[in-house]
Amino acid sequence: MSAAKKYKEDFILLAEAGFIAVNQADEDAALKLFKAAEMLDPKNILPKIGFGYLHLHKLELKQAVKYFDDVLEVDPHNDMAKAFKGLSMSMMPNSIDKGEKILEQTLKSKDPMIKKLAGSAIDFVEKFIKKTPGPASKGK
């Protein structure tokens, strides 16, 4: 039995650990985990979502959108990639409205976690990205 076959069943553990590493701001570990998962199952799109998620966390928004677009090219109905793409675009000055439209579309997802993510992202955009100037800045 080859090493790849032996560890193929660990694909999802490696991918999930990659997402955890991103959340803990451990870029090195995240990259290694996503690469390992990608090597075990090159056709699976989850590592690509992971790489996009890493770029999103680093606010490298153009690179994040590129990864999410790559996923959506293969699987146009992937709501996770759509939601992350919408969030990424909504933080780019020239793409806020496009990003919000994508997030609104993902509110129709069958996955309750994606709906929650999209709703939270829309709230974030409204409160912090598109916010109106506060009273302190009106007199300037």
C-alpha atoms as a PDB file:
ATOM      1  CA  MET A   1       0.000   0.000   0.000  1.00  0.00           C
ATOM      2  CA  SER A   2       1.420   3.386  -1.010  1.00  0.00           C
ATOM      3  CA  ALA A   3       1.684   6.219   1.486  1.00  0.00           C
ATOM      4  CA  ALA A   4      -0.853   8.273  -0.467  1.00  0.00           C
ATOM      5  CA  LYS A   5      -3.441   5.485  -0.326  1.00  0.00           C
ATOM      6  CA  LYS A   6      -2.695   4.867   3.338  1.00  0.00           C
ATOM      7  CA  TYR A   7      -3.362   8.497   4.245  1.00  0.00           C
ATOM      8  CA  LYS A   8      -6.140   9.243   1.731  1.00  0.00           C
ATOM      9  CA  GLU A   9      -8.730   8.671   4.449  1.00  0.00           C
ATOM     10  CA  ASP A  10      -7.108  11.504   6.417  1.00  0.00           C
ATOM     11  CA  PHE A  11      -7.882  14.039   3.661  1.00  0.00           C
ATOM     12  CA  ILE A  12     -10.759  15.681   5.524  1.00  0.00           C
ATOM     13  CA  LEU A  13      -8.745  15.862   8.763  1.00  0.00           C
ATOM     14  CA  LEU A  14      -5.893  17.632   6.979  1.00  0.00           C
ATOM     15  CA  ALA A  15      -8.259  20.077   5.277  1.00  0.00           C
ATOM     16  CA  GLU A  16     -10.124  20.810   8.501  1.00  0.00           C
ATOM     17  CA  ALA A  17      -6.866  21.269  10.381  1.00  0.00           C
ATOM     18  CA  GLY A  18      -5.840  23.743   7.664  1.00  0.00           C
ATOM     19  CA  PHE A  19      -8.933  25.848   8.339  1.00  0.00           C
ATOM     20  CA  ILE A  20      -8.188  25.732  12.066  1.00  0.00           C
ATOM     21  CA  ALA A  21      -4.613  26.826  11.386  1.00  0.00           C
ATOM     22  CA  VAL A  22      -5.909  29.801   9.373  1.00  0.00           C
ATOM     23  CA  ASN A  23      -8.177  30.779  12.267  1.00  0.00           C
ATOM     24  CA  GLN A  24      -5.168  30.640  14.573  1.00  0.00           C
ATOM     25  CA  ALA A  25      -3.128  32.802  12.165  1.00  0.00           C
ATOM     26  CA  ASP A  26      -0.650  29.977  11.547  1.00  0.00           C
ATOM     27  CA  GLU A  27      -0.033  30.514   7.847  1.00  0.00           C
ATOM     28  CA  ASP A  28       2.846  28.048   7.605  1.00  0.00           C
ATOM     29  CA  ALA A  29       0.824  25.182   9.082  1.00  0.00           C
ATOM     30  CA  ALA A  30      -2.250  26.081   7.015  1.00  0.00           C
ATOM     31  CA  LEU A  31      -0.281  26.035   3.767  1.00  0.00           C
ATOM     32  CA  LYS A  32       1.326  22.694   4.597  1.00  0.00           C
ATOM     33  CA  LEU A  33      -1.991  21.129   5.613  1.00  0.00           C
ATOM     34  CA  PHE A  34      -3.849  22.356   2.519  1.00  0.00           C
ATOM     35  CA  LYS A  35      -0.967  21.231   0.272  1.00  0.00           C
ATOM     36  CA  ALA A  36      -0.972  17.786   1.916  1.00  0.00           C
ATOM     37  CA  ALA A  37      -4.742  17.501   1.464  1.00  0.00           C
ATOM     38  CA  GLU A  38      -4.380  18.608  -2.158  1.00  0.00           C
ATOM     39  CA  MET A  39      -1.733  15.953  -2.773  1.00  0.00           C
ATOM     40  CA  LEU A  40      -3.996  13.241  -1.361  1.00  0.00           C
ATOM     41  CA  ASP A  41      -6.999  14.270  -3.463  1.00  0.00           C
ATOM     42  CA  PRO A  42      -5.987  16.662  -6.275  1.00  0.00           C
ATOM     43  CA  LYS A  43      -9.511  16.827  -7.725  1.00  0.00           C
ATOM     44  CA  ASN A  44     -11.161  17.876  -4.463  1.00  0.00           C
ATOM     45  CA  ILE A  45     -11.935  21.598  -4.309  1.00  0.00           C
ATOM     46  CA  LEU A  46     -11.802  21.944  -0.515  1.00  0.00           C
ATOM     47  CA  PRO A  47      -8.071  22.776  -0.403  1.00  0.00           C
ATOM     48  CA  LYS A  48      -8.652  25.551  -2.988  1.00  0.00           C
ATOM     49  CA  ILE A  49     -11.354  26.995  -0.747  1.00  0.00           C
ATOM     50  CA  GLY A  50      -8.830  26.752   2.089  1.00  0.00           C
ATOM     51  CA  PHE A  51      -6.178  28.670   0.144  1.00  0.00           C
ATOM     52  CA  GLY A  52      -8.791  31.334  -0.660  1.00  0.00           C
ATOM     53  CA  TYR A  53      -9.832  31.447   2.986  1.00  0.00           C
ATOM     54  CA  LEU A  54      -6.199  31.995   3.982  1.00  0.00           C
ATOM     55  CA  HIS A  55      -5.897  34.918   1.558  1.00  0.00           C
ATOM     56  CA  LEU A  56      -9.190  36.338   2.836  1.00  0.00           C
ATOM     57  CA  HIS A  57      -7.845  36.279   6.400  1.00  0.00           C
ATOM     58  CA  LYS A  58      -4.700  38.062   5.248  1.00  0.00           C
ATOM     59  CA  LEU A  59      -6.906  40.603   3.422  1.00  0.00           C
ATOM     60  CA  GLU A  60      -5.271  39.633   0.131  1.00  0.00           C
ATOM     61  CA  LEU A  61      -8.680  39.992  -1.418  1.00  0.00           C
ATOM     62  CA  LYS A  62      -7.814  39.724  -5.126  1.00  0.00           C
ATOM     63  CA  GLN A  63      -5.971  36.452  -4.523  1.00  0.00           C
ATOM     64  CA  ALA A  64      -8.859  35.155  -2.392  1.00  0.00           C
ATOM     65  CA  VAL A  65     -11.381  35.963  -5.126  1.00  0.00           C
ATOM     66  CA  LYS A  66      -9.163  34.185  -7.668  1.00  0.00           C
ATOM     67  CA  TYR A  67      -9.230  30.958  -5.630  1.00  0.00           C
ATOM     68  CA  PHE A  68     -12.996  31.181  -5.086  1.00  0.00           C
ATOM     69  CA  ASP A  69     -13.494  31.812  -8.817  1.00  0.00           C
ATOM     70  CA  ASP A  70     -11.396  28.714  -9.570  1.00  0.00           C
ATOM     71  CA  VAL A  71     -13.672  26.669  -7.309  1.00  0.00           C
ATOM     72  CA  LEU A  72     -16.818  28.130  -8.853  1.00  0.00           C
ATOM     73  CA  GLU A  73     -15.512  27.315 -12.324  1.00  0.00           C
ATOM     74  CA  VAL A  74     -15.465  23.633 -11.333  1.00  0.00           C
ATOM     75  CA  ASP A  75     -18.562  23.729  -9.098  1.00  0.00           C
ATOM     76  CA  PRO A  76     -20.789  26.739  -9.890  1.00  0.00           C
ATOM     77  CA  HIS A  77     -23.191  25.806  -7.087  1.00  0.00           C
ATOM     78  CA  ASN A  78     -20.629  25.753  -4.260  1.00  0.00           C
ATOM     79  CA  ASP A  79     -22.271  28.061  -1.738  1.00  0.00           C
ATOM     80  CA  MET A  80     -19.242  28.165   0.563  1.00  0.00           C
ATOM     81  CA  ALA A  81     -17.046  29.539  -2.231  1.00  0.00           C
ATOM     82  CA  LYS A  82     -19.813  31.976  -3.226  1.00  0.00           C
ATOM     83  CA  ALA A  83     -20.182  33.291   0.320  1.00  0.00           C
ATOM     84  CA  PHE A  84     -16.437  33.755   0.796  1.00  0.00           C
ATOM     85  CA  LYS A  85     -16.150  35.376  -2.641  1.00  0.00           C
ATOM     86  CA  GLY A  86     -19.007  37.735  -1.761  1.00  0.00           C
ATOM     87  CA  LEU A  87     -17.360  38.680   1.520  1.00  0.00           C
ATOM     88  CA  SER A  88     -13.994  39.215  -0.175  1.00  0.00           C
ATOM     89  CA  MET A  89     -15.500  41.381  -2.905  1.00  0.00           C
ATOM     90  CA  SER A  90     -17.575  43.401  -0.462  1.00  0.00           C
ATOM     91  CA  MET A  91     -14.345  44.564   1.182  1.00  0.00           C
ATOM     92  CA  MET A  92     -12.851  45.747  -2.123  1.00  0.00           C
ATOM     93  CA  PRO A  93     -13.720  49.422  -2.760  1.00  0.00           C
ATOM     94  CA  ASN A  94     -14.778  48.894  -6.385  1.00  0.00           C
ATOM     95  CA  SER A  95     -16.711  45.670  -5.787  1.00  0.00           C
ATOM     96  CA  ILE A  96     -18.817  46.314  -2.677  1.00  0.00           C
ATOM     97  CA  ASP A  97     -22.174  46.114  -4.480  1.00  0.00           C
ATOM     98  CA  LYS A  98     -21.188  43.000  -6.458  1.00  0.00           C
ATOM     99  CA  GLY A  99     -20.042  41.334  -3.264  1.00  0.00           C
ATOM    100  CA  GLU A 100     -23.292  42.168  -1.502  1.00  0.00           C
ATOM    101  CA  LYS A 101     -25.317  40.710  -4.390  1.00  0.00           C
ATOM    102  CA  ILE A 102     -23.374  37.456  -4.145  1.00  0.00           C
ATOM    103  CA  LEU A 103     -23.933  37.368  -0.384  1.00  0.00           C
ATOM    104  CA  GLU A 104     -27.668  37.969  -0.875  1.00  0.00           C
ATOM    105  CA  GLN A 105     -27.773  35.031  -3.297  1.00  0.00           C
ATOM    106  CA  THR A 106     -26.113  32.775  -0.744  1.00  0.00           C
ATOM    107  CA  LEU A 107     -28.824  33.643   1.778  1.00  0.00           C
ATOM    108  CA  LYS A 108     -30.921  31.176  -0.266  1.00  0.00           C
ATOM    109  CA  SER A 109     -28.490  28.316   0.413  1.00  0.00           C
ATOM    110  CA  LYS A 110     -29.855  25.046   1.771  1.00  0.00           C
ATOM    111  CA  ASP A 111     -26.965  24.959   4.249  1.00  0.00           C
ATOM    112  CA  PRO A 112     -27.908  26.841   7.452  1.00  0.00           C
ATOM    113  CA  MET A 113     -24.256  27.632   8.242  1.00  0.00           C
ATOM    114  CA  ILE A 114     -23.799  29.282   4.838  1.00  0.00           C
ATOM    115  CA  LYS A 115     -26.982  31.305   5.404  1.00  0.00           C
ATOM    116  CA  LYS A 116     -25.636  32.412   8.782  1.00  0.00           C
ATOM    117  CA  LEU A 117     -22.248  33.314   7.252  1.00  0.00           C
ATOM    118  CA  ALA A 118     -23.907  35.324   4.470  1.00  0.00           C
ATOM    119  CA  GLY A 119     -26.193  37.119   6.920  1.00  0.00           C
ATOM    120  CA  SER A 120     -23.316  37.994   9.225  1.00  0.00           C
ATOM    121  CA  ALA A 121     -21.233  39.169   6.269  1.00  0.00           C
ATOM    122  CA  ILE A 122     -24.037  41.413   5.015  1.00  0.00           C
ATOM    123  CA  ASP A 123     -24.414  42.896   8.509  1.00  0.00           C
ATOM    124  CA  PHE A 124     -20.646  43.467   8.669  1.00  0.00           C
ATOM    125  CA  VAL A 125     -20.664  45.241   5.294  1.00  0.00           C
ATOM    126  CA  GLU A 126     -23.574  47.467   6.312  1.00  0.00           C
ATOM    127  CA  LYS A 127     -22.093  48.374   9.715  1.00  0.00           C
ATOM    128  CA  PHE A 128     -18.399  48.681   8.947  1.00  0.00           C
ATOM    129  CA  ILE A 129     -17.769  48.938   5.212  1.00  0.00           C
ATOM    130  CA  LYS A 130     -20.653  51.145   4.080  1.00  0.00           C
ATOM    131  CA  LYS A 131     -21.110  52.913   7.409  1.00  0.00           C
ATOM    132  CA  THR A 132     -22.210  56.504   7.435  1.00  0.00           C
ATOM    133  CA  PRO A 133     -19.893  59.030   9.072  1.00  0.00           C
ATOM    134  CA  GLY A 134     -20.372  59.345  12.820  1.00  0.00           C
ATOM    135  CA  PRO A 135     -21.179  62.585  14.658  1.00  0.00           C
ATOM    136  CA  ALA A 136     -17.490  63.297  15.362  1.00  0.00           C
ATOM    137  CA  SER A 137     -16.637  63.465  11.658  1.00  0.00           C
ATOM    138  CA  LYS A 138     -19.633  65.605  10.575  1.00  0.00           C
ATOM    139  CA  GLY A 139     -18.129  68.881  11.757  1.00  0.00           C
ATOM    140  CA  LYS A 140     -14.925  68.450   9.744  1.00  0.00           C
END
